[in-house]
Amino acid sequence: MNQSLVKTLMSLGMSLAGGALAAGWMLYRAEPPAVPIAILDRGALLRTLDENLPEKERARHLERFESMAHRLSDAGYLVIDRGWVIAAPEDFYVDPQ
């Protein structure tokens, strides 16, 4: 075989091996995907409930709120209460109605 052909094939092989190592390292170091976030406002729900509302009805609204939070969590969302959020885009908020 021609010596220049051997050198070319060796260079090509080393380049492919180096590329494979670099790609493997990048996959190893890759960050996990971002977690979707939903922000619920329990305080706003409590403020909107009528003070004269029977306790049973009040409990039903709170159960519905908790159910929504659990459904979002089961769908892969990180659920946060608005009372502890410093700042967030308006699109992150979930209307409790």
PDB file of N, CA and C in Angstrom:
ATOM      1  N   MET A   1       0.827  -1.180   0.000  1.00  0.00           N
ATOM      2  CA  MET A   1       0.000   0.000   0.000  1.00  0.00           C
ATOM      3  C   MET A   1       0.869   1.239   0.000  1.00  0.00           C
ATOM      4  N   ASN A   2       0.346   2.246  -0.565  1.00  0.00           N
ATOM      5  CA  ASN A   2       1.050   3.510  -0.631  1.00  0.00           C
ATOM      6  C   ASN A   2       1.139   4.119   0.772  1.00  0.00           C
ATOM      7  N   GLN A   3       2.312   4.655   1.113  1.00  0.00           N
ATOM      8  CA  GLN A   3       2.533   5.199   2.453  1.00  0.00           C
ATOM      9  C   GLN A   3       1.637   6.400   2.740  1.00  0.00           C
ATOM     10  N   SER A   4       1.352   7.219   1.765  1.00  0.00           N
ATOM     11  CA  SER A   4       0.473   8.380   1.995  1.00  0.00           C
ATOM     12  C   SER A   4      -0.970   7.936   2.225  1.00  0.00           C
ATOM     13  N   LEU A   5      -1.397   6.844   1.577  1.00  0.00           N
ATOM     14  CA  LEU A   5      -2.735   6.318   1.801  1.00  0.00           C
ATOM     15  C   LEU A   5      -2.865   5.787   3.225  1.00  0.00           C
ATOM     16  N   VAL A   6      -1.837   5.110   3.720  1.00  0.00           N
ATOM     17  CA  VAL A   6      -1.846   4.583   5.085  1.00  0.00           C
ATOM     18  C   VAL A   6      -1.931   5.741   6.083  1.00  0.00           C
ATOM     19  N   LYS A   7      -1.150   6.798   5.853  1.00  0.00           N
ATOM     20  CA  LYS A   7      -1.179   7.954   6.749  1.00  0.00           C
ATOM     21  C   LYS A   7      -2.561   8.614   6.736  1.00  0.00           C
ATOM     22  N   THR A   8      -3.166   8.716   5.573  1.00  0.00           N
ATOM     23  CA  THR A   8      -4.494   9.321   5.458  1.00  0.00           C
ATOM     24  C   THR A   8      -5.529   8.493   6.207  1.00  0.00           C
ATOM     25  N   LEU A   9      -5.481   7.168   6.037  1.00  0.00           N
ATOM     26  CA  LEU A   9      -6.430   6.296   6.731  1.00  0.00           C
ATOM     27  C   LEU A   9      -6.232   6.344   8.241  1.00  0.00           C
ATOM     28  N   MET A  10      -4.983   6.422   8.693  1.00  0.00           N
ATOM     29  CA  MET A  10      -4.709   6.521  10.128  1.00  0.00           C
ATOM     30  C   MET A  10      -5.227   7.849  10.682  1.00  0.00           C
ATOM     31  N   SER A  11      -5.029   8.914   9.931  1.00  0.00           N
ATOM     32  CA  SER A  11      -5.520  10.223  10.369  1.00  0.00           C
ATOM     33  C   SER A  11      -7.042  10.225  10.453  1.00  0.00           C
ATOM     34  N   LEU A  12      -7.678   9.619   9.460  1.00  0.00           N
ATOM     35  CA  LEU A  12      -9.125   9.535   9.453  1.00  0.00           C
ATOM     36  C   LEU A  12      -9.627   8.718  10.644  1.00  0.00           C
ATOM     37  N   GLY A  13      -8.994   7.588  10.915  1.00  0.00           N
ATOM     38  CA  GLY A  13      -9.373   6.745  12.052  1.00  0.00           C
ATOM     39  C   GLY A  13      -9.208   7.467  13.372  1.00  0.00           C
ATOM     40  N   MET A  14      -8.118   8.196  13.538  1.00  0.00           N
ATOM     41  CA  MET A  14      -7.881   8.926  14.782  1.00  0.00           C
ATOM     42  C   MET A  14      -8.887  10.072  14.935  1.00  0.00           C
ATOM     43  N   SER A  15      -9.238  10.699  13.824  1.00  0.00           N
ATOM     44  CA  SER A  15     -10.223  11.781  13.878  1.00  0.00           C
ATOM     45  C   SER A  15     -11.584  11.242  14.296  1.00  0.00           C
ATOM     46  N   LEU A  16     -11.972  10.105  13.723  1.00  0.00           N
ATOM     47  CA  LEU A  16     -13.253   9.499  14.096  1.00  0.00           C
ATOM     48  C   LEU A  16     -13.263   9.082  15.558  1.00  0.00           C
ATOM     49  N   ALA A  17     -12.165   8.502  16.029  1.00  0.00           N
ATOM     50  CA  ALA A  17     -12.093   8.086  17.434  1.00  0.00           C
ATOM     51  C   ALA A  17     -12.159   9.304  18.358  1.00  0.00           C
ATOM     52  N   GLY A  18     -11.450  10.358  18.016  1.00  0.00           N
ATOM     53  CA  GLY A  18     -11.483  11.581  18.823  1.00  0.00           C
ATOM     54  C   GLY A  18     -12.870  12.197  18.839  1.00  0.00           C
ATOM     55  N   GLY A  19     -13.544  12.203  17.688  1.00  0.00           N
ATOM     56  CA  GLY A  19     -14.912  12.733  17.622  1.00  0.00           C
ATOM     57  C   GLY A  19     -15.873  11.915  18.466  1.00  0.00           C
ATOM     58  N   ALA A  20     -15.719  10.597  18.432  1.00  0.00           N
ATOM     59  CA  ALA A  20     -16.585   9.728  19.232  1.00  0.00           C
ATOM     60  C   ALA A  20     -16.358   9.969  20.723  1.00  0.00           C
ATOM     61  N   LEU A  21     -15.098  10.123  21.121  1.00  0.00           N
ATOM     62  CA  LEU A  21     -14.799  10.410  22.528  1.00  0.00           C
ATOM     63  C   LEU A  21     -15.379  11.749  22.952  1.00  0.00           C
ATOM     64  N   ALA A  22     -15.240  12.755  22.105  1.00  0.00           N
ATOM     65  CA  ALA A  22     -15.765  14.086  22.427  1.00  0.00           C
ATOM     66  C   ALA A  22     -17.293  14.047  22.532  1.00  0.00           C
ATOM     67  N   ALA A  23     -17.951  13.340  21.607  1.00  0.00           N
ATOM     68  CA  ALA A  23     -19.408  13.248  21.650  1.00  0.00           C
ATOM     69  C   ALA A  23     -19.866  12.513  22.911  1.00  0.00           C
ATOM     70  N   GLY A  24     -19.176  11.447  23.275  1.00  0.00           N
ATOM     71  CA  GLY A  24     -19.515  10.717  24.490  1.00  0.00           C
ATOM     72  C   GLY A  24     -19.336  11.577  25.724  1.00  0.00           C
ATOM     73  N   TRP A  25     -18.282  12.351  25.773  1.00  0.00           N
ATOM     74  CA  TRP A  25     -18.036  13.233  26.909  1.00  0.00           C
ATOM     75  C   TRP A  25     -19.123  14.305  27.006  1.00  0.00           C
ATOM     76  N   MET A  26     -19.534  14.859  25.857  1.00  0.00           N
ATOM     77  CA  MET A  26     -20.577  15.886  25.857  1.00  0.00           C
ATOM     78  C   MET A  26     -21.908  15.316  26.325  1.00  0.00           C
ATOM     79  N   LEU A  27     -22.231  14.090  25.918  1.00  0.00           N
ATOM     80  CA  LEU A  27     -23.470  13.463  26.379  1.00  0.00           C
ATOM     81  C   LEU A  27     -23.419  13.187  27.875  1.00  0.00           C
ATOM     82  N   TYR A  28     -22.259  12.802  28.365  1.00  0.00           N
ATOM     83  CA  TYR A  28     -22.092  12.533  29.793  1.00  0.00           C
ATOM     84  C   TYR A  28     -22.274  13.807  30.609  1.00  0.00           C
ATOM     85  N   ARG A  29     -21.777  14.919  30.103  1.00  0.00           N
ATOM     86  CA  ARG A  29     -21.815  16.189  30.820  1.00  0.00           C
ATOM     87  C   ARG A  29     -23.095  16.992  30.578  1.00  0.00           C
ATOM     88  N   ALA A  30     -23.967  16.526  29.700  1.00  0.00           N
ATOM     89  CA  ALA A  30     -25.183  17.273  29.349  1.00  0.00           C
ATOM     90  C   ALA A  30     -26.064  17.462  30.579  1.00  0.00           C
ATOM     91  N   GLU A  31     -26.661  18.618  30.669  1.00  0.00           N
ATOM     92  CA  GLU A  31     -27.556  18.909  31.785  1.00  0.00           C
ATOM     93  C   GLU A  31     -28.904  18.253  31.534  1.00  0.00           C
ATOM     94  N   PRO A  32     -29.605  17.895  32.601  1.00  0.00           N
ATOM     95  CA  PRO A  32     -30.939  17.310  32.421  1.00  0.00           C
ATOM     96  C   PRO A  32     -31.888  18.352  31.838  1.00  0.00           C
ATOM     97  N   PRO A  33     -32.961  17.920  31.205  1.00  0.00           N
ATOM     98  CA  PRO A  33     -33.903  18.887  30.624  1.00  0.00           C
ATOM     99  C   PRO A  33     -34.572  19.734  31.706  1.00  0.00           C
ATOM    100  N   ALA A  34     -34.996  20.905  31.324  1.00  0.00           N
ATOM    101  CA  ALA A  34     -35.652  21.820  32.265  1.00  0.00           C
ATOM    102  C   ALA A  34     -36.984  21.228  32.726  1.00  0.00           C
ATOM    103  N   VAL A  35     -37.343  21.511  33.961  1.00  0.00           N
ATOM    104  CA  VAL A  35     -38.594  21.021  34.541  1.00  0.00           C
ATOM    105  C   VAL A  35     -39.674  22.081  34.331  1.00  0.00           C
ATOM    106  N   PRO A  36     -40.840  21.695  33.793  1.00  0.00           N
ATOM    107  CA  PRO A  36     -41.913  22.682  33.664  1.00  0.00           C
ATOM    108  C   PRO A  36     -42.444  23.061  35.048  1.00  0.00           C
ATOM    109  N   ILE A  37     -42.823  24.323  35.185  1.00  0.00           N
ATOM    110  CA  ILE A  37     -43.255  24.849  36.487  1.00  0.00           C
ATOM    111  C   ILE A  37     -44.672  25.404  36.368  1.00  0.00           C
ATOM    112  N   ALA A  38     -45.484  25.143  37.377  1.00  0.00           N
ATOM    113  CA  ALA A  38     -46.815  25.743  37.484  1.00  0.00           C
ATOM    114  C   ALA A  38     -46.894  26.436  38.835  1.00  0.00           C
ATOM    115  N   ILE A  39     -47.395  27.660  38.838  1.00  0.00           N
ATOM    116  CA  ILE A  39     -47.523  28.429  40.075  1.00  0.00           C
ATOM    117  C   ILE A  39     -49.001  28.584  40.388  1.00  0.00           C
ATOM    118  N   LEU A  40     -49.417  28.048  41.523  1.00  0.00           N
ATOM    119  CA  LEU A  40     -50.800  28.144  41.968  1.00  0.00           C
ATOM    120  C   LEU A  40     -50.902  29.161  43.102  1.00  0.00           C
ATOM    121  N   ASP A  41     -52.058  29.797  43.224  1.00  0.00           N
ATOM    122  CA  ASP A  41     -52.233  30.842  44.234  1.00  0.00           C
ATOM    123  C   ASP A  41     -53.350  30.446  45.195  1.00  0.00           C
ATOM    124  N   ARG A  42     -52.999  29.755  46.265  1.00  0.00           N
ATOM    125  CA  ARG A  42     -53.981  29.318  47.262  1.00  0.00           C
ATOM    126  C   ARG A  42     -54.583  30.528  47.977  1.00  0.00           C
ATOM    127  N   GLY A  43     -53.768  31.549  48.230  1.00  0.00           N
ATOM    128  CA  GLY A  43     -54.252  32.752  48.913  1.00  0.00           C
ATOM    129  C   GLY A  43     -55.348  33.446  48.122  1.00  0.00           C
ATOM    130  N   ALA A  44     -55.182  33.529  46.806  1.00  0.00           N
ATOM    131  CA  ALA A  44     -56.205  34.162  45.973  1.00  0.00           C
ATOM    132  C   ALA A  44     -57.493  33.350  46.007  1.00  0.00           C
ATOM    133  N   LEU A  45     -57.364  32.028  46.010  1.00  0.00           N
ATOM    134  CA  LEU A  45     -58.553  31.187  46.103  1.00  0.00           C
ATOM    135  C   LEU A  45     -59.288  31.444  47.417  1.00  0.00           C
ATOM    136  N   LEU A  46     -58.559  31.478  48.508  1.00  0.00           N
ATOM    137  CA  LEU A  46     -59.181  31.705  49.812  1.00  0.00           C
ATOM    138  C   LEU A  46     -59.822  33.084  49.901  1.00  0.00           C
ATOM    139  N   ARG A  47     -59.186  34.096  49.282  1.00  0.00           N
ATOM    140  CA  ARG A  47     -59.748  35.459  49.305  1.00  0.00           C
ATOM    141  C   ARG A  47     -61.021  35.559  48.480  1.00  0.00           C
ATOM    142  N   THR A  48     -61.135  34.760  47.422  1.00  0.00           N
ATOM    143  CA  THR A  48     -62.317  34.842  46.560  1.00  0.00           C
ATOM    144  C   THR A  48     -63.512  34.086  47.123  1.00  0.00           C
ATOM    145  N   LEU A  49     -63.287  33.196  48.066  1.00  0.00           N
ATOM    146  CA  LEU A  49     -64.401  32.453  48.653  1.00  0.00           C
ATOM    147  C   LEU A  49     -65.199  33.362  49.582  1.00  0.00           C
ATOM    148  N   ASP A  50     -66.485  33.280  49.471  1.00  0.00           N
ATOM    149  CA  ASP A  50     -67.379  34.082  50.306  1.00  0.00           C
ATOM    150  C   ASP A  50     -67.236  33.660  51.767  1.00  0.00           C
ATOM    151  N   GLU A  51     -67.200  34.630  52.666  1.00  0.00           N
ATOM    152  CA  GLU A  51     -67.049  34.330  54.095  1.00  0.00           C
ATOM    153  C   GLU A  51     -68.231  33.541  54.646  1.00  0.00           C
ATOM    154  N   ASN A  52     -69.396  33.704  54.047  1.00  0.00           N
ATOM    155  CA  ASN A  52     -70.600  33.013  54.505  1.00  0.00           C
ATOM    156  C   ASN A  52     -70.768  31.631  53.863  1.00  0.00           C
ATOM    157  N   LEU A  53     -69.791  31.225  53.090  1.00  0.00           N
ATOM    158  CA  LEU A  53     -69.846  29.928  52.425  1.00  0.00           C
ATOM    159  C   LEU A  53     -69.786  28.816  53.462  1.00  0.00           C
ATOM    160  N   PRO A  54     -70.664  27.814  53.349  1.00  0.00           N
ATOM    161  CA  PRO A  54     -70.621  26.708  54.313  1.00  0.00           C
ATOM    162  C   PRO A  54     -69.259  26.002  54.292  1.00  0.00           C
ATOM    163  N   GLU A  55     -68.874  25.479  55.424  1.00  0.00           N
ATOM    164  CA  GLU A  55     -67.566  24.830  55.563  1.00  0.00           C
ATOM    165  C   GLU A  55     -67.404  23.676  54.576  1.00  0.00           C
ATOM    166  N   LYS A  56     -68.477  22.963  54.330  1.00  0.00           N
ATOM    167  CA  LYS A  56     -68.423  21.828  53.405  1.00  0.00           C
ATOM    168  C   LYS A  56     -68.088  22.301  51.987  1.00  0.00           C
ATOM    169  N   GLU A  57     -68.696  23.404  51.581  1.00  0.00           N
ATOM    170  CA  GLU A  57     -68.439  23.969  50.250  1.00  0.00           C
ATOM    171  C   GLU A  57     -67.010  24.508  50.155  1.00  0.00           C
ATOM    172  N   ARG A  58     -66.548  25.129  51.214  1.00  0.00           N
ATOM    173  CA  ARG A  58     -65.179  25.651  51.289  1.00  0.00           C
ATOM    174  C   ARG A  58     -64.177  24.505  51.144  1.00  0.00           C
ATOM    175  N   ALA A  59     -64.457  23.412  51.841  1.00  0.00           N
ATOM    176  CA  ALA A  59     -63.578  22.237  51.767  1.00  0.00           C
ATOM    177  C   ALA A  59     -63.573  21.658  50.360  1.00  0.00           C
ATOM    178  N   ARG A  60     -64.721  21.690  49.686  1.00  0.00           N
ATOM    179  CA  ARG A  60     -64.788  21.182  48.310  1.00  0.00           C
ATOM    180  C   ARG A  60     -63.897  21.992  47.373  1.00  0.00           C
ATOM    181  N   HIS A  61     -63.894  23.324  47.532  1.00  0.00           N
ATOM    182  CA  HIS A  61     -63.023  24.184  46.711  1.00  0.00           C
ATOM    183  C   HIS A  61     -61.542  23.882  46.986  1.00  0.00           C
ATOM    184  N   LEU A  62     -61.194  23.697  48.239  1.00  0.00           N
ATOM    185  CA  LEU A  62     -59.803  23.407  48.581  1.00  0.00           C
ATOM    186  C   LEU A  62     -59.376  22.031  48.068  1.00  0.00           C
ATOM    187  N   GLU A  63     -60.286  21.057  48.103  1.00  0.00           N
ATOM    188  CA  GLU A  63     -59.986  19.726  47.558  1.00  0.00           C
ATOM    189  C   GLU A  63     -59.760  19.804  46.050  1.00  0.00           C
ATOM    190  N   ARG A  64     -60.565  20.617  45.380  1.00  0.00           N
ATOM    191  CA  ARG A  64     -60.396  20.803  43.931  1.00  0.00           C
ATOM    192  C   ARG A  64     -59.030  21.430  43.634  1.00  0.00           C
ATOM    193  N   PHE A  65     -58.643  22.391  44.460  1.00  0.00           N
ATOM    194  CA  PHE A  65     -57.339  23.040  44.308  1.00  0.00           C
ATOM    195  C   PHE A  65     -56.218  22.011  44.471  1.00  0.00           C
ATOM    196  N   GLU A  66     -56.306  21.196  45.517  1.00  0.00           N
ATOM    197  CA  GLU A  66     -55.286  20.158  45.759  1.00  0.00           C
ATOM    198  C   GLU A  66     -55.263  19.136  44.624  1.00  0.00           C
ATOM    199  N   SER A  67     -56.432  18.804  44.118  1.00  0.00           N
ATOM    200  CA  SER A  67     -56.528  17.854  43.007  1.00  0.00           C
ATOM    201  C   SER A  67     -55.808  18.407  41.775  1.00  0.00           C
ATOM    202  N   MET A  68     -55.995  19.701  41.497  1.00  0.00           N
ATOM    203  CA  MET A  68     -55.323  20.325  40.374  1.00  0.00           C
ATOM    204  C   MET A  68     -53.806  20.275  40.556  1.00  0.00           C
ATOM    205  N   ALA A  69     -53.354  20.560  41.767  1.00  0.00           N
ATOM    206  CA  ALA A  69     -51.914  20.526  42.041  1.00  0.00           C
ATOM    207  C   ALA A  69     -51.354  19.116  41.830  1.00  0.00           C
ATOM    208  N   HIS A  70     -52.087  18.090  42.275  1.00  0.00           N
ATOM    209  CA  HIS A  70     -51.613  16.712  42.110  1.00  0.00           C
ATOM    210  C   HIS A  70     -51.638  16.277  40.644  1.00  0.00           C
ATOM    211  N   ARG A  71     -52.654  16.715  39.899  1.00  0.00           N
ATOM    212  CA  ARG A  71     -52.695  16.371  38.467  1.00  0.00           C
ATOM    213  C   ARG A  71     -51.521  17.005  37.727  1.00  0.00           C
ATOM    214  N   LEU A  72     -51.207  18.253  38.059  1.00  0.00           N
ATOM    215  CA  LEU A  72     -50.052  18.910  37.439  1.00  0.00           C
ATOM    216  C   LEU A  72     -48.760  18.192  37.806  1.00  0.00           C
ATOM    217  N   SER A  73     -48.635  17.807  39.061  1.00  0.00           N
ATOM    218  CA  SER A  73     -47.449  17.084  39.521  1.00  0.00           C
ATOM    219  C   SER A  73     -47.316  15.746  38.799  1.00  0.00           C
ATOM    220  N   ASP A  74     -48.430  15.035  38.660  1.00  0.00           N
ATOM    221  CA  ASP A  74     -48.412  13.754  37.955  1.00  0.00           C
ATOM    222  C   ASP A  74     -48.042  13.918  36.482  1.00  0.00           C
ATOM    223  N   ALA A  75     -48.346  15.091  35.917  1.00  0.00           N
ATOM    224  CA  ALA A  75     -48.009  15.374  34.521  1.00  0.00           C
ATOM    225  C   ALA A  75     -46.561  15.837  34.367  1.00  0.00           C
ATOM    226  N   GLY A  76     -45.816  15.924  35.486  1.00  0.00           N
ATOM    227  CA  GLY A  76     -44.399  16.286  35.409  1.00  0.00           C
ATOM    228  C   GLY A  76     -44.069  17.717  35.771  1.00  0.00           C
ATOM    229  N   TYR A  77     -45.035  18.463  36.262  1.00  0.00           N
ATOM    230  CA  TYR A  77     -44.794  19.859  36.637  1.00  0.00           C
ATOM    231  C   TYR A  77     -44.295  19.971  38.072  1.00  0.00           C
ATOM    232  N   LEU A  78     -43.435  20.943  38.289  1.00  0.00           N
ATOM    233  CA  LEU A  78     -43.067  21.345  39.641  1.00  0.00           C
ATOM    234  C   LEU A  78     -44.108  22.376  40.058  1.00  0.00           C
ATOM    235  N   VAL A  79     -44.864  22.111  41.110  1.00  0.00           N
ATOM    236  CA  VAL A  79     -45.957  22.993  41.525  1.00  0.00           C
ATOM    237  C   VAL A  79     -45.497  23.823  42.712  1.00  0.00           C
ATOM    238  N   ILE A  80     -45.639  25.138  42.578  1.00  0.00           N
ATOM    239  CA  ILE A  80     -45.195  26.087  43.603  1.00  0.00           C
ATOM    240  C   ILE A  80     -46.363  26.985  43.979  1.00  0.00           C
ATOM    241  N   ASP A  81     -46.449  27.353  45.251  1.00  0.00           N
ATOM    242  CA  ASP A  81     -47.469  28.296  45.696  1.00  0.00           C
ATOM    243  C   ASP A  81     -46.979  29.721  45.450  1.00  0.00           C
ATOM    244  N   ARG A  82     -47.855  30.575  44.958  1.00  0.00           N
ATOM    245  CA  ARG A  82     -47.475  31.952  44.616  1.00  0.00           C
ATOM    246  C   ARG A  82     -46.944  32.732  45.818  1.00  0.00           C
ATOM    247  N   GLY A  83     -47.339  32.358  47.021  1.00  0.00           N
ATOM    248  CA  GLY A  83     -46.893  33.063  48.212  1.00  0.00           C
ATOM    249  C   GLY A  83     -45.381  33.038  48.398  1.00  0.00           C
ATOM    250  N   TRP A  84     -44.697  32.107  47.734  1.00  0.00           N
ATOM    251  CA  TRP A  84     -43.251  31.996  47.884  1.00  0.00           C
ATOM    252  C   TRP A  84     -42.494  32.329  46.610  1.00  0.00           C
ATOM    253  N   VAL A  85     -43.174  32.739  45.560  1.00  0.00           N
ATOM    254  CA  VAL A  85     -42.512  33.072  44.299  1.00  0.00           C
ATOM    255  C   VAL A  85     -42.066  34.529  44.344  1.00  0.00           C
ATOM    256  N   ILE A  86     -40.823  34.775  44.054  1.00  0.00           N
ATOM    257  CA  ILE A  86     -40.292  36.143  44.023  1.00  0.00           C
ATOM    258  C   ILE A  86     -40.685  36.824  42.710  1.00  0.00           C
ATOM    259  N   ALA A  87     -40.464  36.156  41.583  1.00  0.00           N
ATOM    260  CA  ALA A  87     -40.834  36.691  40.269  1.00  0.00           C
ATOM    261  C   ALA A  87     -40.940  35.533  39.292  1.00  0.00           C
ATOM    262  N   ALA A  88     -41.871  35.657  38.353  1.00  0.00           N
ATOM    263  CA  ALA A  88     -42.057  34.642  37.321  1.00  0.00           C
ATOM    264  C   ALA A  88     -42.832  35.248  36.166  1.00  0.00           C
ATOM    265  N   PRO A  89     -42.636  34.721  34.958  1.00  0.00           N
ATOM    266  CA  PRO A  89     -43.440  35.199  33.831  1.00  0.00           C
ATOM    267  C   PRO A  89     -44.922  34.880  34.061  1.00  0.00           C
ATOM    268  N   GLU A  90     -45.781  35.725  33.579  1.00  0.00           N
ATOM    269  CA  GLU A  90     -47.229  35.559  33.791  1.00  0.00           C
ATOM    270  C   GLU A  90     -47.731  34.229  33.236  1.00  0.00           C
ATOM    271  N   ASP A  91     -47.095  33.709  32.189  1.00  0.00           N
ATOM    272  CA  ASP A  91     -47.516  32.438  31.581  1.00  0.00           C
ATOM    273  C   ASP A  91     -47.344  31.257  32.522  1.00  0.00           C
ATOM    274  N   PHE A  92     -46.546  31.380  33.556  1.00  0.00           N
ATOM    275  CA  PHE A  92     -46.306  30.272  34.479  1.00  0.00           C
ATOM    276  C   PHE A  92     -47.456  30.083  35.462  1.00  0.00           C
ATOM    277  N   TYR A  93     -48.306  31.099  35.631  1.00  0.00           N
ATOM    278  CA  TYR A  93     -49.379  31.031  36.608  1.00  0.00           C
ATOM    279  C   TYR A  93     -50.560  30.238  36.054  1.00  0.00           C
ATOM    280  N   VAL A  94     -51.175  29.455  36.920  1.00  0.00           N
ATOM    281  CA  VAL A  94     -52.331  28.648  36.550  1.00  0.00           C
ATOM    282  C   VAL A  94     -53.565  29.235  37.218  1.00  0.00           C
ATOM    283  N   ASP A  95     -54.578  29.546  36.416  1.00  0.00           N
ATOM    284  CA  ASP A  95     -55.827  30.099  36.936  1.00  0.00           C
ATOM    285  C   ASP A  95     -56.570  28.998  37.688  1.00  0.00           C
ATOM    286  N   PRO A  96     -56.903  29.194  38.975  1.00  0.00           N
ATOM    287  CA  PRO A  96     -57.529  28.124  39.765  1.00  0.00           C
ATOM    288  C   PRO A  96     -58.984  27.860  39.393  1.00  0.00           C
ATOM    289  N   GLN A  97     -59.544  28.527  38.430  1.00  0.00           N
ATOM    290  CA  GLN A  97     -60.970  28.384  38.122  1.00  0.00           C
ATOM    291  C   GLN A  97     -61.224  27.335  37.100  1.00  0.00           C
TER     292      GLN A  97
END
